[in-house]
C-alpha atoms as a PDB file:
ATOM      1  CA  MET A   1     -42.167 -12.639 -16.667  1.00  0.00           C
ATOM      2  CA  TYR A   2     -39.105 -14.612 -15.814  1.00  0.00           C
ATOM      3  CA  THR A   3     -38.520 -18.303 -16.485  1.00  0.00           C
ATOM      4  CA  PHE A   4     -35.633 -20.767 -16.370  1.00  0.00           C
ATOM      5  CA  ASN A   5     -35.359 -24.398 -17.513  1.00  0.00           C
ATOM      6  CA  SER A   6     -34.369 -27.285 -15.250  1.00  0.00           C
ATOM      7  CA  ARG A   7     -34.627 -30.958 -14.880  1.00  0.00           C
ATOM      8  CA  VAL A   8     -35.840 -32.877 -11.765  1.00  0.00           C
ATOM      9  CA  ARG A   9     -32.914 -34.144  -9.786  1.00  0.00           C
ATOM     10  CA  TYR A  10     -32.818 -37.253  -7.636  1.00  0.00           C
ATOM     11  CA  SER A  11     -31.975 -35.088  -4.663  1.00  0.00           C
ATOM     12  CA  GLU A  12     -35.218 -33.077  -5.203  1.00  0.00           C
ATOM     13  CA  THR A  13     -37.523 -36.098  -5.231  1.00  0.00           C
ATOM     14  CA  ASP A  14     -39.517 -37.978  -2.548  1.00  0.00           C
ATOM     15  CA  GLU A  15     -39.791 -41.655  -1.881  1.00  0.00           C
ATOM     16  CA  LYS A  16     -42.182 -41.977  -4.817  1.00  0.00           C
ATOM     17  CA  GLY A  17     -39.638 -40.454  -7.227  1.00  0.00           C
ATOM     18  CA  LEU A  18     -41.666 -37.226  -7.610  1.00  0.00           C
ATOM     19  CA  LEU A  19     -40.566 -33.635  -7.188  1.00  0.00           C
ATOM     20  CA  SER A  20     -41.225 -33.002  -3.487  1.00  0.00           C
ATOM     21  CA  ILE A  21     -43.355 -30.088  -2.231  1.00  0.00           C
ATOM     22  CA  ALA A  22     -40.241 -28.628  -0.483  1.00  0.00           C
ATOM     23  CA  GLY A  23     -38.468 -29.031  -3.876  1.00  0.00           C
ATOM     24  CA  ILE A  24     -41.265 -27.049  -5.593  1.00  0.00           C
ATOM     25  CA  VAL A  25     -40.917 -24.326  -2.983  1.00  0.00           C
ATOM     26  CA  ASN A  26     -37.174 -24.173  -3.508  1.00  0.00           C
ATOM     27  CA  TYR A  27     -37.632 -23.889  -7.278  1.00  0.00           C
ATOM     28  CA  PHE A  28     -39.970 -20.996  -6.815  1.00  0.00           C
ATOM     29  CA  GLN A  29     -37.725 -19.235  -4.393  1.00  0.00           C
ATOM     30  CA  ASP A  30     -34.830 -19.551  -6.791  1.00  0.00           C
ATOM     31  CA  ALA A  31     -36.961 -18.143  -9.645  1.00  0.00           C
ATOM     32  CA  SER A  32     -37.769 -14.922  -7.758  1.00  0.00           C
ATOM     33  CA  THR A  33     -34.177 -14.608  -6.571  1.00  0.00           C
ATOM     34  CA  PHE A  34     -32.886 -15.059 -10.136  1.00  0.00           C
ATOM     35  CA  GLN A  35     -35.191 -12.514 -11.596  1.00  0.00           C
ATOM     36  CA  SER A  36     -34.414  -9.973  -8.981  1.00  0.00           C
ATOM     37  CA  GLU A  37     -30.667 -10.484  -9.449  1.00  0.00           C
ATOM     38  CA  ASP A  38     -30.927 -10.220 -13.209  1.00  0.00           C
ATOM     39  CA  LEU A  39     -32.977  -6.970 -12.917  1.00  0.00           C
ATOM     40  CA  GLY A  40     -30.498  -5.309 -10.460  1.00  0.00           C
ATOM     41  CA  ALA A  41     -32.816  -5.533  -7.556  1.00  0.00           C
ATOM     42  CA  GLY A  42     -31.173  -8.515  -5.796  1.00  0.00           C
ATOM     43  CA  VAL A  43     -30.257  -9.292  -2.234  1.00  0.00           C
ATOM     44  CA  GLU A  44     -27.239  -7.058  -2.133  1.00  0.00           C
ATOM     45  CA  VAL A  45     -29.044  -4.071  -3.666  1.00  0.00           C
ATOM     46  CA  VAL A  46     -31.939  -4.380  -1.397  1.00  0.00           C
ATOM     47  CA  SER A  47     -29.914  -4.870   1.731  1.00  0.00           C
ATOM     48  CA  GLY A  48     -27.748  -1.948   0.675  1.00  0.00           C
ATOM     49  CA  LEU A  49     -30.840   0.203   1.041  1.00  0.00           C
ATOM     50  CA  GLY A  50     -31.344  -1.186   4.592  1.00  0.00           C
ATOM     51  CA  LEU A  51     -34.225  -3.419   3.487  1.00  0.00           C
ATOM     52  CA  VAL A  52     -35.158  -7.026   3.298  1.00  0.00           C
ATOM     53  CA  TRP A  53     -38.096  -8.899   1.713  1.00  0.00           C
ATOM     54  CA  VAL A  54     -39.904 -11.281   4.217  1.00  0.00           C
ATOM     55  CA  LEU A  55     -42.338 -13.841   3.039  1.00  0.00           C
ATOM     56  CA  ASN A  56     -45.761 -13.691   4.533  1.00  0.00           C
ATOM     57  CA  SER A  57     -47.625 -16.586   2.913  1.00  0.00           C
ATOM     58  CA  TRP A  58     -47.800 -19.258   0.187  1.00  0.00           C
ATOM     59  CA  GLN A  59     -50.688 -20.795  -1.613  1.00  0.00           C
ATOM     60  CA  ILE A  60     -49.447 -23.654  -3.847  1.00  0.00           C
ATOM     61  CA  VAL A  61     -51.869 -25.635  -6.052  1.00  0.00           C
ATOM     62  CA  VAL A  62     -50.569 -28.859  -7.297  1.00  0.00           C
ATOM     63  CA  HIS A  63     -52.201 -30.334 -10.495  1.00  0.00           C
ATOM     64  CA  GLN A  64     -49.408 -32.849 -11.124  1.00  0.00           C
ATOM     65  CA  ARG A  65     -45.860 -33.313  -9.780  1.00  0.00           C
ATOM     66  CA  PRO A  66     -43.085 -34.033 -12.281  1.00  0.00           C
ATOM     67  CA  LYS A  67     -40.970 -37.186 -11.754  1.00  0.00           C
ATOM     68  CA  LEU A  68     -37.245 -37.819 -11.641  1.00  0.00           C
ATOM     69  CA  GLY A  69     -35.489 -36.667 -14.884  1.00  0.00           C
ATOM     70  CA  ASP A  70     -38.440 -34.715 -16.199  1.00  0.00           C
ATOM     71  CA  ARG A  71     -37.534 -31.423 -17.926  1.00  0.00           C
ATOM     72  CA  ILE A  72     -39.414 -28.514 -16.452  1.00  0.00           C
ATOM     73  CA  VAL A  73     -39.903 -24.735 -16.853  1.00  0.00           C
ATOM     74  CA  VAL A  74     -40.112 -22.665 -13.725  1.00  0.00           C
ATOM     75  CA  GLY A  75     -41.552 -19.095 -13.983  1.00  0.00           C
ATOM     76  CA  THR A  76     -42.619 -16.157 -11.860  1.00  0.00           C
ATOM     77  CA  PHE A  77     -43.758 -12.539 -12.031  1.00  0.00           C
ATOM     78  CA  PRO A  78     -44.920  -9.842  -9.585  1.00  0.00           C
ATOM     79  CA  THR A  79     -48.524  -8.839  -9.754  1.00  0.00           C
ATOM     80  CA  SER A  80     -48.604  -5.822  -7.618  1.00  0.00           C
ATOM     81  CA  PHE A  81     -46.715  -3.575  -5.202  1.00  0.00           C
ATOM     82  CA  LYS A  82     -48.840  -1.794  -2.621  1.00  0.00           C
ATOM     83  CA  GLY A  83     -47.233   0.330   0.105  1.00  0.00           C
ATOM     84  CA  PHE A  84     -44.862  -2.207   1.908  1.00  0.00           C
ATOM     85  CA  MET A  85     -46.468  -5.335   0.218  1.00  0.00           C
ATOM     86  CA  GLY A  86     -45.592  -7.250  -2.819  1.00  0.00           C
ATOM     87  CA  HIS A  87     -47.588 -10.025  -4.475  1.00  0.00           C
ATOM     88  CA  ARG A  88     -45.975 -12.535  -6.788  1.00  0.00           C
ATOM     89  CA  ASN A  89     -47.219 -15.520  -8.777  1.00  0.00           C
ATOM     90  CA  PHE A  90     -45.203 -18.630  -9.690  1.00  0.00           C
ATOM     91  CA  PHE A  91     -45.842 -21.514 -12.020  1.00  0.00           C
ATOM     92  CA  LEU A  92     -44.181 -24.767 -13.022  1.00  0.00           C
ATOM     93  CA  GLU A  93     -44.718 -26.452 -16.475  1.00  0.00           C
ATOM     94  CA  ASP A  94     -43.607 -29.547 -18.242  1.00  0.00           C
ATOM     95  CA  ALA A  95     -41.460 -29.376 -21.477  1.00  0.00           C
ATOM     96  CA  GLN A  96     -44.685 -29.338 -23.570  1.00  0.00           C
ATOM     97  CA  GLY A  97     -46.077 -26.276 -21.679  1.00  0.00           C
ATOM     98  CA  ASN A  98     -48.644 -28.064 -19.569  1.00  0.00           C
ATOM     99  CA  ARG A  99     -49.136 -26.313 -16.262  1.00  0.00           C
ATOM    100  CA  LEU A 100     -48.253 -28.532 -13.295  1.00  0.00           C
ATOM    101  CA  VAL A 101     -48.140 -26.150 -10.357  1.00  0.00           C
ATOM    102  CA  GLU A 102     -49.360 -22.692  -9.688  1.00  0.00           C
ATOM    103  CA  ALA A 103     -48.595 -20.462  -6.699  1.00  0.00           C
ATOM    104  CA  ASN A 104     -49.455 -17.111  -5.125  1.00  0.00           C
ATOM    105  CA  SER A 105     -47.292 -15.440  -2.547  1.00  0.00           C
ATOM    106  CA  ILE A 106     -47.319 -12.253  -0.383  1.00  0.00           C
ATOM    107  CA  TRP A 107     -44.260 -10.446   0.738  1.00  0.00           C
ATOM    108  CA  THR A 108     -43.529  -7.582   3.096  1.00  0.00           C
ATOM    109  CA  LEU A 109     -40.566  -5.281   2.701  1.00  0.00           C
ATOM    110  CA  LEU A 110     -38.942  -4.525   6.090  1.00  0.00           C
ATOM    111  CA  ASP A 111     -36.575  -1.819   7.332  1.00  0.00           C
ATOM    112  CA  ILE A 112     -33.683  -3.919   8.696  1.00  0.00           C
ATOM    113  CA  ASN A 113     -32.595  -1.377  11.492  1.00  0.00           C
ATOM    114  CA  LYS A 114     -36.121  -0.488  12.601  1.00  0.00           C
ATOM    115  CA  GLY A 115     -37.679  -3.964  12.137  1.00  0.00           C
ATOM    116  CA  LEU A 116     -40.845  -2.236  10.700  1.00  0.00           C
ATOM    117  CA  PRO A 117     -42.485  -2.493   7.356  1.00  0.00           C
ATOM    118  CA  ALA A 118     -41.115  -0.005   4.725  1.00  0.00           C
ATOM    119  CA  ARG A 119     -42.803   1.358   1.608  1.00  0.00           C
ATOM    120  CA  VAL A 120     -41.432  -0.234  -1.512  1.00  0.00           C
ATOM    121  CA  PRO A 121     -39.093   2.471  -3.110  1.00  0.00           C
ATOM    122  CA  ALA A 122     -39.437   3.271  -6.806  1.00  0.00           C
ATOM    123  CA  VAL A 123     -35.870   2.252  -7.378  1.00  0.00           C
ATOM    124  CA  ILE A 124     -37.004  -1.299  -6.604  1.00  0.00           C
ATOM    125  CA  TYR A 125     -40.543  -1.547  -8.124  1.00  0.00           C
ATOM    126  CA  GLU A 126     -39.578   0.243 -11.335  1.00  0.00           C
ATOM    127  CA  LYS A 127     -37.272  -2.678 -12.154  1.00  0.00           C
ATOM    128  CA  TYR A 128     -40.223  -5.036 -12.608  1.00  0.00           C
ATOM    129  CA  THR A 129     -42.946  -5.480 -15.133  1.00  0.00           C
ATOM    130  CA  LEU A 130     -46.220  -6.523 -13.492  1.00  0.00           C
ATOM    131  CA  GLY A 131     -48.283  -9.385 -14.846  1.00  0.00           C
ATOM    132  CA  GLU A 132     -51.915 -10.350 -14.541  1.00  0.00           C
ATOM    133  CA  PRO A 133     -52.609 -12.579 -11.522  1.00  0.00           C
ATOM    134  CA  LEU A 134     -53.089 -16.277 -12.251  1.00  0.00           C
ATOM    135  CA  ALA A 135     -56.629 -17.573 -12.258  1.00  0.00           C
ATOM    136  CA  MET A 136     -56.200 -19.480  -9.029  1.00  0.00           C
ATOM    137  CA  PRO A 137     -58.856 -20.285  -6.459  1.00  0.00           C
ATOM    138  CA  ALA A 138     -59.002 -17.585  -3.830  1.00  0.00           C
ATOM    139  CA  ALA A 139     -57.509 -18.527  -0.449  1.00  0.00           C
ATOM    140  CA  SER A 140     -56.854 -16.405   2.696  1.00  0.00           C
ATOM    141  CA  ARG A 141     -53.269 -15.786   3.701  1.00  0.00           C
ATOM    142  CA  LYS A 142     -54.395 -16.473   7.309  1.00  0.00           C
ATOM    143  CA  ILE A 143     -54.589 -20.030   8.469  1.00  0.00           C
ATOM    144  CA  THR A 144     -56.929 -20.917  11.405  1.00  0.00           C
ATOM    145  CA  VAL A 145     -55.351 -23.495  13.705  1.00  0.00           C
ATOM    146  CA  PRO A 146     -58.200 -25.664  15.275  1.00  0.00           C
ATOM    147  CA  ASP A 147     -58.106 -26.733  18.930  1.00  0.00           C
ATOM    148  CA  GLY A 148     -57.258 -30.321  19.801  1.00  0.00           C
ATOM    149  CA  GLY A 149     -54.008 -30.725  17.989  1.00  0.00           C
ATOM    150  CA  VAL A 150     -51.414 -33.364  18.914  1.00  0.00           C
ATOM    151  CA  GLU A 151     -48.201 -31.919  20.329  1.00  0.00           C
ATOM    152  CA  GLU A 152     -45.115 -33.753  18.744  1.00  0.00           C
ATOM    153  CA  GLU A 153     -41.610 -34.036  19.999  1.00  0.00           C
ATOM    154  CA  ALA A 154     -39.777 -30.723  20.186  1.00  0.00           C
ATOM    155  CA  PHE A 155     -36.462 -30.099  18.391  1.00  0.00           C
ATOM    156  CA  LEU A 156     -33.901 -27.292  18.051  1.00  0.00           C
ATOM    157  CA  VAL A 157     -33.237 -25.103  14.974  1.00  0.00           C
ATOM    158  CA  GLY A 158     -29.848 -26.107  13.445  1.00  0.00           C
ATOM    159  CA  ARG A 159     -27.559 -24.308  11.110  1.00  0.00           C
ATOM    160  CA  GLN A 160     -28.883 -26.456   8.256  1.00  0.00           C
ATOM    161  CA  HIS A 161     -32.279 -24.751   8.644  1.00  0.00           C
ATOM    162  CA  LEU A 162     -30.918 -21.190   8.223  1.00  0.00           C
ATOM    163  CA  ASP A 163     -30.642 -18.981   5.127  1.00  0.00           C
ATOM    164  CA  GLY A 164     -28.499 -15.892   4.374  1.00  0.00           C
ATOM    165  CA  ASN A 165     -30.674 -13.762   6.721  1.00  0.00           C
ATOM    166  CA  HIS A 166     -29.711 -16.096   9.606  1.00  0.00           C
ATOM    167  CA  HIS A 167     -33.231 -17.195  10.264  1.00  0.00           C
ATOM    168  CA  VAL A 168     -35.077 -20.353   9.278  1.00  0.00           C
ATOM    169  CA  ASN A 169     -35.555 -20.537   5.555  1.00  0.00           C
ATOM    170  CA  ASN A 170     -39.090 -20.485   4.366  1.00  0.00           C
ATOM    171  CA  GLY A 171     -38.772 -23.848   2.561  1.00  0.00           C
ATOM    172  CA  GLN A 172     -37.348 -25.442   5.730  1.00  0.00           C
ATOM    173  CA  TYR A 173     -40.550 -24.766   7.647  1.00  0.00           C
ATOM    174  CA  ILE A 174     -42.477 -26.717   4.859  1.00  0.00           C
ATOM    175  CA  ALA A 175     -39.996 -29.532   4.880  1.00  0.00           C
ATOM    176  CA  MET A 176     -40.396 -29.790   8.718  1.00  0.00           C
ATOM    177  CA  ALA A 177     -44.231 -29.873   8.427  1.00  0.00           C
ATOM    178  CA  MET A 178     -44.105 -32.493   5.661  1.00  0.00           C
ATOM    179  CA  GLY A 179     -42.657 -34.889   8.154  1.00  0.00           C
ATOM    180  CA  TYR A 180     -46.025 -35.040   9.993  1.00  0.00           C
ATOM    181  CA  LEU A 181     -48.036 -36.228   6.939  1.00  0.00           C
ATOM    182  CA  PRO A 182     -49.284 -39.779   6.521  1.00  0.00           C
ATOM    183  CA  GLU A 183     -47.310 -41.783   4.005  1.00  0.00           C
ATOM    184  CA  ASP A 184     -50.171 -41.941   1.513  1.00  0.00           C
ATOM    185  CA  PHE A 185     -51.198 -38.333   1.761  1.00  0.00           C
ATOM    186  CA  ALA A 186     -51.232 -36.792  -1.840  1.00  0.00           C
ATOM    187  CA  VAL A 187     -50.894 -32.967  -1.451  1.00  0.00           C
ATOM    188  CA  LYS A 188     -53.103 -30.954  -3.941  1.00  0.00           C
ATOM    189  CA  GLN A 189     -52.850 -27.640  -2.228  1.00  0.00           C
ATOM    190  CA  MET A 190     -50.484 -26.321   0.353  1.00  0.00           C
ATOM    191  CA  ARG A 191     -50.762 -23.073   2.244  1.00  0.00           C
ATOM    192  CA  ALA A 192     -48.163 -21.550   4.540  1.00  0.00           C
ATOM    193  CA  GLU A 193     -48.357 -18.566   6.878  1.00  0.00           C
ATOM    194  CA  TYR A 194     -45.272 -17.091   8.335  1.00  0.00           C
ATOM    195  CA  ARG A 195     -45.857 -15.369  11.661  1.00  0.00           C
ATOM    196  CA  ARG A 196     -42.373 -14.661  13.103  1.00  0.00           C
ATOM    197  CA  GLN A 197     -38.806 -15.595  12.524  1.00  0.00           C
ATOM    198  CA  ALA A 198     -37.077 -18.617  14.198  1.00  0.00           C
ATOM    199  CA  LEU A 199     -33.354 -18.346  14.875  1.00  0.00           C
ATOM    200  CA  LEU A 200     -30.424 -20.706  15.535  1.00  0.00           C
ATOM    201  CA  HIS A 201     -31.112 -22.933  18.693  1.00  0.00           C
ATOM    202  CA  ASP A 202     -34.773 -21.808  19.004  1.00  0.00           C
ATOM    203  CA  THR A 203     -37.064 -24.615  19.992  1.00  0.00           C
ATOM    204  CA  ILE A 204     -39.644 -25.838  17.579  1.00  0.00           C
ATOM    205  CA  VAL A 205     -42.793 -27.627  19.046  1.00  0.00           C
ATOM    206  CA  PRO A 206     -44.896 -29.098  16.156  1.00  0.00           C
ATOM    207  CA  VAL A 207     -48.616 -29.309  16.844  1.00  0.00           C
ATOM    208  CA  VAL A 208     -50.497 -31.385  14.297  1.00  0.00           C
ATOM    209  CA  THR A 209     -54.273 -31.252  13.593  1.00  0.00           C
ATOM    210  CA  ALA A 210     -55.926 -33.913  11.460  1.00  0.00           C
ATOM    211  CA  ASP A 211     -59.196 -33.384   9.549  1.00  0.00           C
ATOM    212  CA  GLU A 212     -60.722 -35.224   6.673  1.00  0.00           C
ATOM    213  CA  GLY A 213     -58.479 -34.630   3.646  1.00  0.00           C
ATOM    214  CA  LYS A 214     -56.454 -31.972   5.621  1.00  0.00           C
ATOM    215  CA  ARG A 215     -53.528 -31.649   7.910  1.00  0.00           C
ATOM    216  CA  ILE A 216     -52.492 -28.495   9.735  1.00  0.00           C
ATOM    217  CA  VAL A 217     -49.010 -28.277  11.301  1.00  0.00           C
ATOM    218  CA  SER A 218     -48.298 -25.315  13.614  1.00  0.00           C
ATOM    219  CA  LEU A 219     -44.576 -24.952  14.229  1.00  0.00           C
ATOM    220  CA  ASN A 220     -44.651 -23.325  17.551  1.00  0.00           C
ATOM    221  CA  GLY A 221     -41.957 -21.784  19.847  1.00  0.00           C
ATOM    222  CA  ALA A 222     -41.471 -22.885  23.416  1.00  0.00           C
ATOM    223  CA  ASP A 223     -43.849 -20.093  24.382  1.00  0.00           C
ATOM    224  CA  GLY A 224     -46.650 -21.728  22.361  1.00  0.00           C
ATOM    225  CA  GLN A 225     -46.772 -18.963  19.716  1.00  0.00           C
ATOM    226  CA  ALA A 226     -46.438 -20.129  16.079  1.00  0.00           C
ATOM    227  CA  TYR A 227     -43.414 -19.346  13.944  1.00  0.00           C
ATOM    228  CA  ALA A 228     -45.194 -20.805  10.955  1.00  0.00           C
ATOM    229  CA  VAL A 229     -48.378 -22.683  10.167  1.00  0.00           C
ATOM    230  CA  VAL A 230     -48.653 -24.984   7.260  1.00  0.00           C
ATOM    231  CA  GLU A 231     -51.854 -26.480   5.820  1.00  0.00           C
ATOM    232  CA  PHE A 232     -51.898 -29.445   3.438  1.00  0.00           C
ATOM    233  CA  CYS A 233     -55.026 -30.507   1.582  1.00  0.00           C
ATOM    234  CA  ALA A 234     -55.340 -33.768  -0.324  1.00  0.00           C
END
């Protein structure tokens, strides 16, 4: 298990002064990156093998969001490596050890040159100690997009959306989708499914479906196929 301590910054909060959902995702991504770097299985090591980890899906359960200035503990651990897949849990706690947020994620290891899934090599998975999965409610990594969604105004991918792999960062999709929630929508669970990579200057066409206590935002390309689908439940 890997943990690090932090404090909720003003730049990470929403209009209510609480750590934003996108901020939570960023903390979790940082935790997994820090752990891998410390274990000698970080970005440069993996890319040196001609490989890259790609996130397939998130399931994030929010019990309570910390507020501006709160001291927090962010933690993560892998739960399994199977073939080309990796499963990883995350959690966020307050300074007293109370669990505020829990998450499950699924990753695929890709061969950079072939663009195909690659079996996780021993030189990578042997660096980690597996943990028991968190006792979270089961949720499919696949998100069904209902018919009848409302197509919102399209926009282009800018450089501010990209990460070191030169495609839209996982957290950026969630930040995009959050913009289509009602002002009073309190997120208790978020799921995200990543279907393909959006690159600089690609067109994003959001399609928003509203249901009782739920919003699904499909971030589509100009061809109508989704780059990512994000589901928010109140």
